[in-house]
Amino acid sequence: MFKKIGYLLFIFISACGEPSLSTNKPNIQLEIGTPVDAALSSSSAKFNKDCAQGLCLYKFSLSFANASRANLTINSGTDSLKFDDIVSTTLGTFESNIINYARVTLGGVPQDSEHHQAMRYFYEQVDKLRLAGWNRYIFQNEARLSGEEAKKFENARSILVSPVGTGPWKDPALKLSAEDWLALPTINSWYFYKDGVYLLFRVQREKSTQAPQKIGSYLFTLNFESESEFYKGFVEGEKDRENWKSLVPPILKRMAQERAQTEARLKKMGIAIDENYQDPPIKALE
């Protein structure tokens, strides 16, 4: 919603490096908010460094045609998040050696897989996130609606005509039917947070032209951001991003007011609000 499109596009393009020819299964270990040197020294995977205007990207990638996949361990708090089918990983730093961004491409399912296979793979990753302590995130200006309320809204992209990025259809606890899954947009994102790190789990789908309701090709990516990098994205204007600590609080106040107004209208319509949901604490603003 507030993200730097150019920044993410640069990272997306840069992540597609040359395929690795190593026959050994590479291992990657990283932690957002820690020195990139620690990640590089603890990983057997080879990263290529690319810097421009203070932004440095450390890129590792394999070809999807390569049957081998990399192992990845993401350390956060007391629990680690582990994957064994990584195709690419890009670490980002900006004017420092601290990792504030990581983009991970999962192996996913083979090209032209049946949609139910992609759904099963998606929920396996969601369960993995949940077990590792990752929680659903809802934008501070959007109503706190659980997936139980999803069927009351025909459009997965909007609530009361206003566009949403984390509405009830994007509650990871919601188990979609095959029909609901195919009715979602081509690109879908689910948001999570844990210990000051924010995660966007994105699924891109391309239906088969010959059997669109049966098979398709999918791309599964995980985008991790530090707290500071995530909330800098709320600030318009590149020059103002570094002042996010002073600029974000009034933005959050306006967002909270917008949420309160939306939730009040929904309550009058008989829509249940998830009062148990609490916004994640922003450590830098405490």
C-alpha atoms as a PDB file:
ATOM      1  CA  MET A   1       0.000   0.000   0.000  1.00  0.00           C
ATOM      2  CA  PHE A   2       2.731   2.434   0.934  1.00  0.00           C
ATOM      3  CA  LYS A   3       5.644   0.556  -0.598  1.00  0.00           C
ATOM      4  CA  LYS A   4       8.419   1.875  -2.806  1.00  0.00           C
ATOM      5  CA  ILE A   5       7.569   0.233  -6.116  1.00  0.00           C
ATOM      6  CA  GLY A   6      10.910   1.044  -7.692  1.00  0.00           C
ATOM      7  CA  TYR A   7      12.847  -0.380  -4.740  1.00  0.00           C
ATOM      8  CA  LEU A   8      10.955  -3.679  -4.783  1.00  0.00           C
ATOM      9  CA  LEU A   9      11.170  -3.931  -8.574  1.00  0.00           C
ATOM     10  CA  PHE A  10      14.942  -3.464  -8.393  1.00  0.00           C
ATOM     11  CA  ILE A  11      15.202  -6.249  -5.836  1.00  0.00           C
ATOM     12  CA  PHE A  12      12.891  -8.529  -7.851  1.00  0.00           C
ATOM     13  CA  ILE A  13      14.928  -8.126 -11.034  1.00  0.00           C
ATOM     14  CA  SER A  14      18.250  -8.386  -9.242  1.00  0.00           C
ATOM     15  CA  ALA A  15      17.212 -11.613  -7.476  1.00  0.00           C
ATOM     16  CA  CYS A  16      17.164 -13.471 -10.791  1.00  0.00           C
ATOM     17  CA  GLY A  17      20.872 -14.213 -11.033  1.00  0.00           C
ATOM     18  CA  GLU A  18      22.804 -16.909 -12.792  1.00  0.00           C
ATOM     19  CA  PRO A  19      21.881 -20.456 -11.797  1.00  0.00           C
ATOM     20  CA  SER A  20      24.228 -22.193  -9.395  1.00  0.00           C
ATOM     21  CA  LEU A  21      26.097 -25.208 -10.751  1.00  0.00           C
ATOM     22  CA  SER A  22      26.913 -26.641  -7.329  1.00  0.00           C
ATOM     23  CA  THR A  23      25.872 -30.245  -6.779  1.00  0.00           C
ATOM     24  CA  ASN A  24      25.808 -29.815  -2.996  1.00  0.00           C
ATOM     25  CA  LYS A  25      22.627 -28.617  -1.344  1.00  0.00           C
ATOM     26  CA  PRO A  26      23.376 -25.018  -0.269  1.00  0.00           C
ATOM     27  CA  ASN A  27      22.498 -23.859   3.223  1.00  0.00           C
ATOM     28  CA  ILE A  28      21.482 -20.291   4.092  1.00  0.00           C
ATOM     29  CA  GLN A  29      21.107 -18.766   7.528  1.00  0.00           C
ATOM     30  CA  LEU A  30      19.993 -15.208   8.122  1.00  0.00           C
ATOM     31  CA  GLU A  31      18.361 -12.890  10.618  1.00  0.00           C
ATOM     32  CA  ILE A  32      16.745  -9.573   9.774  1.00  0.00           C
ATOM     33  CA  GLY A  33      18.337  -6.687  11.670  1.00  0.00           C
ATOM     34  CA  THR A  34      21.758  -8.327  12.030  1.00  0.00           C
ATOM     35  CA  PRO A  35      25.020  -7.813  10.095  1.00  0.00           C
ATOM     36  CA  VAL A  36      25.024  -9.284   6.626  1.00  0.00           C
ATOM     37  CA  ASP A  37      28.559 -10.592   7.232  1.00  0.00           C
ATOM     38  CA  ALA A  38      27.148 -12.965   9.853  1.00  0.00           C
ATOM     39  CA  ALA A  39      24.659 -14.367   7.328  1.00  0.00           C
ATOM     40  CA  LEU A  40      27.305 -14.770   4.647  1.00  0.00           C
ATOM     41  CA  SER A  41      29.802 -16.479   6.961  1.00  0.00           C
ATOM     42  CA  SER A  42      27.203 -18.924   8.337  1.00  0.00           C
ATOM     43  CA  SER A  43      25.860 -19.862   4.894  1.00  0.00           C
ATOM     44  CA  SER A  44      27.398 -22.312   2.443  1.00  0.00           C
ATOM     45  CA  ALA A  45      25.493 -20.719  -0.442  1.00  0.00           C
ATOM     46  CA  LYS A  46      27.469 -18.283  -2.598  1.00  0.00           C
ATOM     47  CA  PHE A  47      26.057 -14.751  -2.729  1.00  0.00           C
ATOM     48  CA  ASN A  48      26.922 -12.161  -5.365  1.00  0.00           C
ATOM     49  CA  LYS A  49      27.097  -8.544  -4.198  1.00  0.00           C
ATOM     50  CA  ASP A  50      25.611  -5.674  -6.199  1.00  0.00           C
ATOM     51  CA  CYS A  51      25.567  -2.091  -4.865  1.00  0.00           C
ATOM     52  CA  ALA A  52      24.100   1.161  -6.182  1.00  0.00           C
ATOM     53  CA  GLN A  53      23.500   4.474  -4.381  1.00  0.00           C
ATOM     54  CA  GLY A  54      23.915   3.017  -0.904  1.00  0.00           C
ATOM     55  CA  LEU A  55      21.691   0.002  -1.556  1.00  0.00           C
ATOM     56  CA  CYS A  56      23.540  -3.324  -1.559  1.00  0.00           C
ATOM     57  CA  LEU A  57      21.958  -6.592  -2.645  1.00  0.00           C
ATOM     58  CA  TYR A  58      23.464  -9.987  -1.896  1.00  0.00           C
ATOM     59  CA  LYS A  59      21.996 -12.470  -4.349  1.00  0.00           C
ATOM     60  CA  PHE A  60      21.853 -16.240  -4.461  1.00  0.00           C
ATOM     61  CA  SER A  61      19.793 -18.127  -7.042  1.00  0.00           C
ATOM     62  CA  LEU A  62      19.263 -21.481  -8.659  1.00  0.00           C
ATOM     63  CA  SER A  63      17.443 -22.326 -11.848  1.00  0.00           C
ATOM     64  CA  PHE A  64      13.905 -23.649 -11.465  1.00  0.00           C
ATOM     65  CA  ALA A  65      15.076 -26.359 -13.837  1.00  0.00           C
ATOM     66  CA  ASN A  66      17.628 -27.434 -11.239  1.00  0.00           C
ATOM     67  CA  ALA A  67      16.192 -30.323  -9.214  1.00  0.00           C
ATOM     68  CA  SER A  68      18.335 -29.298  -6.245  1.00  0.00           C
ATOM     69  CA  ARG A  69      17.012 -26.708  -3.799  1.00  0.00           C
ATOM     70  CA  ALA A  70      18.655 -24.782  -0.969  1.00  0.00           C
ATOM     71  CA  ASN A  71      17.933 -25.008   2.737  1.00  0.00           C
ATOM     72  CA  LEU A  72      17.057 -21.786   4.526  1.00  0.00           C
ATOM     73  CA  THR A  73      16.897 -20.981   8.228  1.00  0.00           C
ATOM     74  CA  ILE A  74      15.532 -17.605   9.294  1.00  0.00           C
ATOM     75  CA  ASN A  75      16.276 -16.885  12.927  1.00  0.00           C
ATOM     76  CA  SER A  76      13.805 -14.751  14.853  1.00  0.00           C
ATOM     77  CA  GLY A  77      13.312 -14.810  18.603  1.00  0.00           C
ATOM     78  CA  THR A  78      13.295 -18.284  20.122  1.00  0.00           C
ATOM     79  CA  ASP A  79      11.898 -20.072  17.048  1.00  0.00           C
ATOM     80  CA  SER A  80      13.533 -20.543  13.659  1.00  0.00           C
ATOM     81  CA  LEU A  81      11.714 -20.688  10.350  1.00  0.00           C
ATOM     82  CA  LYS A  82      13.060 -23.393   8.041  1.00  0.00           C
ATOM     83  CA  PHE A  83      12.547 -24.213   4.369  1.00  0.00           C
ATOM     84  CA  ASP A  84      14.171 -26.906   2.249  1.00  0.00           C
ATOM     85  CA  ASP A  85      13.102 -25.852  -1.250  1.00  0.00           C
ATOM     86  CA  ILE A  86      14.637 -22.413  -1.782  1.00  0.00           C
ATOM     87  CA  VAL A  87      15.286 -21.283  -5.365  1.00  0.00           C
ATOM     88  CA  SER A  88      16.630 -17.792  -4.619  1.00  0.00           C
ATOM     89  CA  THR A  89      17.381 -15.448  -1.743  1.00  0.00           C
ATOM     90  CA  THR A  90      18.284 -11.764  -1.913  1.00  0.00           C
ATOM     91  CA  LEU A  91      19.474  -9.859   1.138  1.00  0.00           C
ATOM     92  CA  GLY A  92      19.273  -6.072   1.189  1.00  0.00           C
ATOM     93  CA  THR A  93      21.204  -3.447   3.165  1.00  0.00           C
ATOM     94  CA  PHE A  94      21.088   0.324   2.866  1.00  0.00           C
ATOM     95  CA  GLU A  95      23.973   2.575   3.865  1.00  0.00           C
ATOM     96  CA  SER A  96      25.009   0.046   6.527  1.00  0.00           C
ATOM     97  CA  ASN A  97      25.886  -3.633   6.858  1.00  0.00           C
ATOM     98  CA  ILE A  98      22.572  -4.493   8.573  1.00  0.00           C
ATOM     99  CA  ILE A  99      20.086  -6.708   6.748  1.00  0.00           C
ATOM    100  CA  ASN A 100      16.796  -4.832   6.533  1.00  0.00           C
ATOM    101  CA  TYR A 101      15.216  -6.811   3.731  1.00  0.00           C
ATOM    102  CA  ALA A 102      15.185 -10.376   2.417  1.00  0.00           C
ATOM    103  CA  ARG A 103      13.338 -11.713  -0.588  1.00  0.00           C
ATOM    104  CA  VAL A 104      12.968 -15.488  -0.820  1.00  0.00           C
ATOM    105  CA  THR A 105      11.602 -17.506  -3.738  1.00  0.00           C
ATOM    106  CA  LEU A 106      10.257 -20.922  -2.811  1.00  0.00           C
ATOM    107  CA  GLY A 107      10.352 -23.954  -5.045  1.00  0.00           C
ATOM    108  CA  GLY A 108       6.582 -24.242  -4.835  1.00  0.00           C
ATOM    109  CA  VAL A 109       4.874 -26.684  -7.154  1.00  0.00           C
ATOM    110  CA  PRO A 110       5.854 -27.798 -10.676  1.00  0.00           C
ATOM    111  CA  GLN A 111       4.691 -25.795 -13.665  1.00  0.00           C
ATOM    112  CA  ASP A 112       1.149 -26.654 -14.755  1.00  0.00           C
ATOM    113  CA  SER A 113       0.225 -28.264 -11.447  1.00  0.00           C
ATOM    114  CA  GLU A 114      -3.343 -28.865 -10.432  1.00  0.00           C
ATOM    115  CA  HIS A 115      -4.685 -25.973  -8.375  1.00  0.00           C
ATOM    116  CA  HIS A 116      -5.367 -28.170  -5.368  1.00  0.00           C
ATOM    117  CA  GLN A 117      -1.632 -28.986  -5.221  1.00  0.00           C
ATOM    118  CA  ALA A 118      -0.804 -25.279  -5.035  1.00  0.00           C
ATOM    119  CA  MET A 119      -3.420 -24.793  -2.344  1.00  0.00           C
ATOM    120  CA  ARG A 120      -1.988 -27.637  -0.276  1.00  0.00           C
ATOM    121  CA  TYR A 121       1.524 -26.211  -0.635  1.00  0.00           C
ATOM    122  CA  PHE A 122       0.312 -22.736   0.366  1.00  0.00           C
ATOM    123  CA  TYR A 123      -1.363 -23.966   3.557  1.00  0.00           C
ATOM    124  CA  GLU A 124       1.693 -26.047   4.437  1.00  0.00           C
ATOM    125  CA  GLN A 125       3.731 -22.830   4.418  1.00  0.00           C
ATOM    126  CA  VAL A 126       1.068 -20.988   6.433  1.00  0.00           C
ATOM    127  CA  ASP A 127       1.113 -23.756   9.053  1.00  0.00           C
ATOM    128  CA  LYS A 128       4.905 -23.542   9.149  1.00  0.00           C
ATOM    129  CA  LEU A 129       4.711 -19.787   9.791  1.00  0.00           C
ATOM    130  CA  ARG A 130       2.097 -20.211  12.497  1.00  0.00           C
ATOM    131  CA  LEU A 131       4.084 -22.886  14.309  1.00  0.00           C
ATOM    132  CA  ALA A 132       7.163 -20.639  14.217  1.00  0.00           C
ATOM    133  CA  GLY A 133       5.245 -17.839  15.954  1.00  0.00           C
ATOM    134  CA  TRP A 134       4.301 -15.596  13.034  1.00  0.00           C
ATOM    135  CA  ASN A 135       1.005 -13.706  13.442  1.00  0.00           C
ATOM    136  CA  ARG A 136      -1.437 -12.196  11.025  1.00  0.00           C
ATOM    137  CA  TYR A 137      -0.936  -8.478  10.367  1.00  0.00           C
ATOM    138  CA  ILE A 138      -3.762  -6.070   9.496  1.00  0.00           C
ATOM    139  CA  PHE A 139      -3.037  -2.567   8.212  1.00  0.00           C
ATOM    140  CA  GLN A 140      -3.834  -0.022  10.911  1.00  0.00           C
ATOM    141  CA  ASN A 141      -6.465   1.690   8.761  1.00  0.00           C
ATOM    142  CA  GLU A 142      -8.324  -1.507   7.886  1.00  0.00           C
ATOM    143  CA  ALA A 143     -11.107  -3.145   9.848  1.00  0.00           C
ATOM    144  CA  ARG A 144     -10.184  -6.059  12.077  1.00  0.00           C
ATOM    145  CA  LEU A 145     -12.177  -8.769  10.335  1.00  0.00           C
ATOM    146  CA  SER A 146     -11.502 -12.470  10.660  1.00  0.00           C
ATOM    147  CA  GLY A 147     -11.859 -14.947   7.838  1.00  0.00           C
ATOM    148  CA  GLU A 148     -15.175 -16.036   9.334  1.00  0.00           C
ATOM    149  CA  GLU A 149     -16.672 -12.814   7.953  1.00  0.00           C
ATOM    150  CA  ALA A 150     -15.214 -13.228   4.456  1.00  0.00           C
ATOM    151  CA  LYS A 151     -18.320 -14.691   2.849  1.00  0.00           C
ATOM    152  CA  LYS A 152     -20.234 -11.529   3.766  1.00  0.00           C
ATOM    153  CA  PHE A 153     -18.111  -9.596   1.263  1.00  0.00           C
ATOM    154  CA  GLU A 154     -18.278 -10.556  -2.396  1.00  0.00           C
ATOM    155  CA  ASN A 155     -15.184  -8.587  -3.386  1.00  0.00           C
ATOM    156  CA  ALA A 156     -11.943  -9.816  -1.819  1.00  0.00           C
ATOM    157  CA  ARG A 157     -10.234  -6.529  -2.653  1.00  0.00           C
ATOM    158  CA  SER A 158     -12.501  -4.030  -0.911  1.00  0.00           C
ATOM    159  CA  ILE A 159     -14.555  -3.317   2.208  1.00  0.00           C
ATOM    160  CA  LEU A 160     -17.347  -0.746   1.932  1.00  0.00           C
ATOM    161  CA  VAL A 161     -16.023   0.232  -1.510  1.00  0.00           C
ATOM    162  CA  SER A 162     -12.572   1.073  -0.091  1.00  0.00           C
ATOM    163  CA  PRO A 163      -9.635  -1.080  -1.291  1.00  0.00           C
ATOM    164  CA  VAL A 164      -7.986  -3.298   1.336  1.00  0.00           C
ATOM    165  CA  GLY A 165      -4.782  -5.280   1.415  1.00  0.00           C
ATOM    166  CA  THR A 166      -5.409  -7.345   4.547  1.00  0.00           C
ATOM    167  CA  GLY A 167      -9.153  -7.949   4.551  1.00  0.00           C
ATOM    168  CA  PRO A 168     -10.974 -11.089   5.794  1.00  0.00           C
ATOM    169  CA  TRP A 169     -10.237 -12.975   2.576  1.00  0.00           C
ATOM    170  CA  LYS A 170      -6.536 -12.615   3.452  1.00  0.00           C
ATOM    171  CA  ASP A 171      -6.850 -14.088   6.916  1.00  0.00           C
ATOM    172  CA  PRO A 172      -4.352 -16.986   6.805  1.00  0.00           C
ATOM    173  CA  ALA A 173      -6.633 -18.925   9.163  1.00  0.00           C
ATOM    174  CA  LEU A 174      -9.345 -18.963   6.482  1.00  0.00           C
ATOM    175  CA  LYS A 175      -9.443 -22.251   4.593  1.00  0.00           C
ATOM    176  CA  LEU A 176     -10.495 -21.365   1.058  1.00  0.00           C
ATOM    177  CA  SER A 177     -12.496 -23.689  -1.128  1.00  0.00           C
ATOM    178  CA  ALA A 178     -11.155 -24.453  -4.599  1.00  0.00           C
ATOM    179  CA  GLU A 179     -13.795 -22.123  -6.025  1.00  0.00           C
ATOM    180  CA  ASP A 180     -12.793 -19.296  -3.673  1.00  0.00           C
ATOM    181  CA  TRP A 181      -9.107 -19.848  -4.425  1.00  0.00           C
ATOM    182  CA  LEU A 182      -9.619 -19.460  -8.168  1.00  0.00           C
ATOM    183  CA  ALA A 183     -11.849 -16.420  -7.636  1.00  0.00           C
ATOM    184  CA  LEU A 184      -8.987 -14.533  -5.970  1.00  0.00           C
ATOM    185  CA  PRO A 185      -6.936 -12.097  -8.082  1.00  0.00           C
ATOM    186  CA  THR A 186      -3.923 -13.310 -10.035  1.00  0.00           C
ATOM    187  CA  ILE A 187      -1.559 -11.869  -7.405  1.00  0.00           C
ATOM    188  CA  ASN A 188      -2.389 -12.263  -3.713  1.00  0.00           C
ATOM    189  CA  SER A 189      -0.543 -11.251  -0.555  1.00  0.00           C
ATOM    190  CA  TRP A 190      -0.860 -12.350   3.057  1.00  0.00           C
ATOM    191  CA  TYR A 191       0.827 -10.276   5.796  1.00  0.00           C
ATOM    192  CA  PHE A 192       2.496 -11.538   8.982  1.00  0.00           C
ATOM    193  CA  TYR A 193       4.703 -10.142  11.729  1.00  0.00           C
ATOM    194  CA  LYS A 194       6.936 -11.447  14.479  1.00  0.00           C
ATOM    195  CA  ASP A 195       9.381  -9.762  16.864  1.00  0.00           C
ATOM    196  CA  GLY A 196       9.602  -6.540  14.877  1.00  0.00           C
ATOM    197  CA  VAL A 197       9.915  -8.238  11.478  1.00  0.00           C
ATOM    198  CA  TYR A 198       7.165  -8.007   8.841  1.00  0.00           C
ATOM    199  CA  LEU A 199       6.476 -10.583   6.171  1.00  0.00           C
ATOM    200  CA  LEU A 200       4.570 -10.416   2.921  1.00  0.00           C
ATOM    201  CA  PHE A 201       3.788 -13.911   1.606  1.00  0.00           C
ATOM    202  CA  ARG A 202       2.863 -13.492  -2.047  1.00  0.00           C
ATOM    203  CA  VAL A 203       1.333 -16.015  -4.426  1.00  0.00           C
ATOM    204  CA  GLN A 204       1.218 -15.333  -8.160  1.00  0.00           C
ATOM    205  CA  ARG A 205      -0.909 -17.592 -10.335  1.00  0.00           C
ATOM    206  CA  GLU A 206      -1.054 -18.058 -14.073  1.00  0.00           C
ATOM    207  CA  LYS A 207      -3.891 -20.295 -15.204  1.00  0.00           C
ATOM    208  CA  SER A 208      -3.353 -22.725 -18.015  1.00  0.00           C
ATOM    209  CA  THR A 209      -4.920 -21.556 -21.281  1.00  0.00           C
ATOM    210  CA  GLN A 210      -5.990 -25.094 -22.070  1.00  0.00           C
ATOM    211  CA  ALA A 211      -7.432 -26.094 -18.674  1.00  0.00           C
ATOM    212  CA  PRO A 212      -7.680 -22.901 -16.593  1.00  0.00           C
ATOM    213  CA  GLN A 213     -10.002 -24.361 -13.959  1.00  0.00           C
ATOM    214  CA  LYS A 214      -7.794 -27.387 -13.398  1.00  0.00           C
ATOM    215  CA  ILE A 215      -4.104 -26.473 -13.684  1.00  0.00           C
ATOM    216  CA  GLY A 216      -1.831 -23.452 -13.518  1.00  0.00           C
ATOM    217  CA  SER A 217       1.686 -22.209 -12.804  1.00  0.00           C
ATOM    218  CA  TYR A 218       2.551 -20.551  -9.483  1.00  0.00           C
ATOM    219  CA  LEU A 219       5.259 -18.395  -7.945  1.00  0.00           C
ATOM    220  CA  PHE A 220       5.565 -18.316  -4.136  1.00  0.00           C
ATOM    221  CA  THR A 221       7.697 -15.569  -2.582  1.00  0.00           C
ATOM    222  CA  LEU A 222       8.430 -14.378   0.954  1.00  0.00           C
ATOM    223  CA  ASN A 223       9.410 -10.750   1.537  1.00  0.00           C
ATOM    224  CA  PHE A 224      10.821  -9.991   4.989  1.00  0.00           C
ATOM    225  CA  GLU A 225      11.359  -6.418   6.214  1.00  0.00           C
ATOM    226  CA  SER A 226      12.742  -4.919   9.384  1.00  0.00           C
ATOM    227  CA  GLU A 227      10.436  -2.728  11.439  1.00  0.00           C
ATOM    228  CA  SER A 228      12.147   0.445  10.258  1.00  0.00           C
ATOM    229  CA  GLU A 229      12.081  -0.566   6.604  1.00  0.00           C
ATOM    230  CA  PHE A 230       8.424  -1.556   6.802  1.00  0.00           C
ATOM    231  CA  TYR A 231       7.235   1.688   8.369  1.00  0.00           C
ATOM    232  CA  LYS A 232       9.446   3.835   6.176  1.00  0.00           C
ATOM    233  CA  GLY A 233       7.146   2.561   3.451  1.00  0.00           C
ATOM    234  CA  PHE A 234       4.285   4.478   5.072  1.00  0.00           C
ATOM    235  CA  VAL A 235       6.058   7.769   4.318  1.00  0.00           C
ATOM    236  CA  GLU A 236       5.619   9.419   0.943  1.00  0.00           C
ATOM    237  CA  GLY A 237       8.746  10.863  -0.566  1.00  0.00           C
ATOM    238  CA  GLU A 238      12.174   9.297  -0.619  1.00  0.00           C
ATOM    239  CA  LYS A 239      13.836  12.223   1.167  1.00  0.00           C
ATOM    240  CA  ASP A 240      11.483  11.921   4.149  1.00  0.00           C
ATOM    241  CA  ARG A 241      11.855   8.193   4.738  1.00  0.00           C
ATOM    242  CA  GLU A 242      14.749   8.516   7.158  1.00  0.00           C
ATOM    243  CA  ASN A 243      12.539  10.736   9.364  1.00  0.00           C
ATOM    244  CA  TRP A 244       9.949   8.004   9.689  1.00  0.00           C
ATOM    245  CA  LYS A 245      10.028   7.956  13.501  1.00  0.00           C
ATOM    246  CA  SER A 246       8.584  11.477  13.644  1.00  0.00           C
ATOM    247  CA  LEU A 247       6.378  11.217  10.557  1.00  0.00           C
ATOM    248  CA  VAL A 248       4.725   7.829  11.132  1.00  0.00           C
ATOM    249  CA  PRO A 249       2.923   8.537  14.480  1.00  0.00           C
ATOM    250  CA  PRO A 250       0.497  11.124  12.979  1.00  0.00           C
ATOM    251  CA  ILE A 251      -0.002   8.801  10.002  1.00  0.00           C
ATOM    252  CA  LEU A 252      -0.903   5.946  12.348  1.00  0.00           C
ATOM    253  CA  LYS A 253      -3.296   8.232  14.222  1.00  0.00           C
ATOM    254  CA  ARG A 254      -5.156   9.029  10.999  1.00  0.00           C
ATOM    255  CA  MET A 255      -5.187   5.355  10.082  1.00  0.00           C
ATOM    256  CA  ALA A 256      -6.643   4.440  13.492  1.00  0.00           C
ATOM    257  CA  GLN A 257      -9.420   6.965  12.986  1.00  0.00           C
ATOM    258  CA  GLU A 258     -10.179   5.507   9.570  1.00  0.00           C
ATOM    259  CA  ARG A 259     -10.337   2.020  11.067  1.00  0.00           C
ATOM    260  CA  ALA A 260     -12.655   3.161  13.875  1.00  0.00           C
ATOM    261  CA  GLN A 261     -15.052   4.760  11.382  1.00  0.00           C
ATOM    262  CA  THR A 262     -15.101   1.668   9.178  1.00  0.00           C
ATOM    263  CA  GLU A 263     -15.606  -0.700  12.098  1.00  0.00           C
ATOM    264  CA  ALA A 264     -18.457   1.436  13.453  1.00  0.00           C
ATOM    265  CA  ARG A 265     -20.256   1.184  10.109  1.00  0.00           C
ATOM    266  CA  LEU A 266     -19.653  -2.562   9.909  1.00  0.00           C
ATOM    267  CA  LYS A 267     -20.997  -3.123  13.419  1.00  0.00           C
ATOM    268  CA  LYS A 268     -24.241  -1.391  12.441  1.00  0.00           C
ATOM    269  CA  MET A 269     -24.455  -3.849   9.541  1.00  0.00           C
ATOM    270  CA  GLY A 270     -24.113  -6.788  11.911  1.00  0.00           C
ATOM    271  CA  ILE A 271     -20.525  -7.592  10.930  1.00  0.00           C
ATOM    272  CA  ALA A 272     -18.404  -8.950  13.791  1.00  0.00           C
ATOM    273  CA  ILE A 273     -15.150  -7.149  14.565  1.00  0.00           C
ATOM    274  CA  ASP A 274     -12.202  -9.177  15.801  1.00  0.00           C
ATOM    275  CA  GLU A 275     -11.679  -7.292  19.067  1.00  0.00           C
ATOM    276  CA  ASN A 276      -8.925  -9.717  20.058  1.00  0.00           C
ATOM    277  CA  TYR A 277      -6.647  -8.482  17.312  1.00  0.00           C
ATOM    278  CA  GLN A 278      -4.087  -5.964  18.536  1.00  0.00           C
ATOM    279  CA  ASP A 279      -1.699  -3.981  16.358  1.00  0.00           C
ATOM    280  CA  PRO A 280       1.912  -5.094  16.749  1.00  0.00           C
ATOM    281  CA  PRO A 281       4.017  -2.852  18.993  1.00  0.00           C
ATOM    282  CA  ILE A 282       6.471  -0.603  17.182  1.00  0.00           C
ATOM    283  CA  LYS A 283       9.600  -0.885  19.282  1.00  0.00           C
ATOM    284  CA  ALA A 284      11.307   2.180  17.841  1.00  0.00           C
ATOM    285  CA  LEU A 285       8.351   4.362  18.844  1.00  0.00           C
ATOM    286  CA  GLU A 286       7.958   3.067  22.383  1.00  0.00           C
END
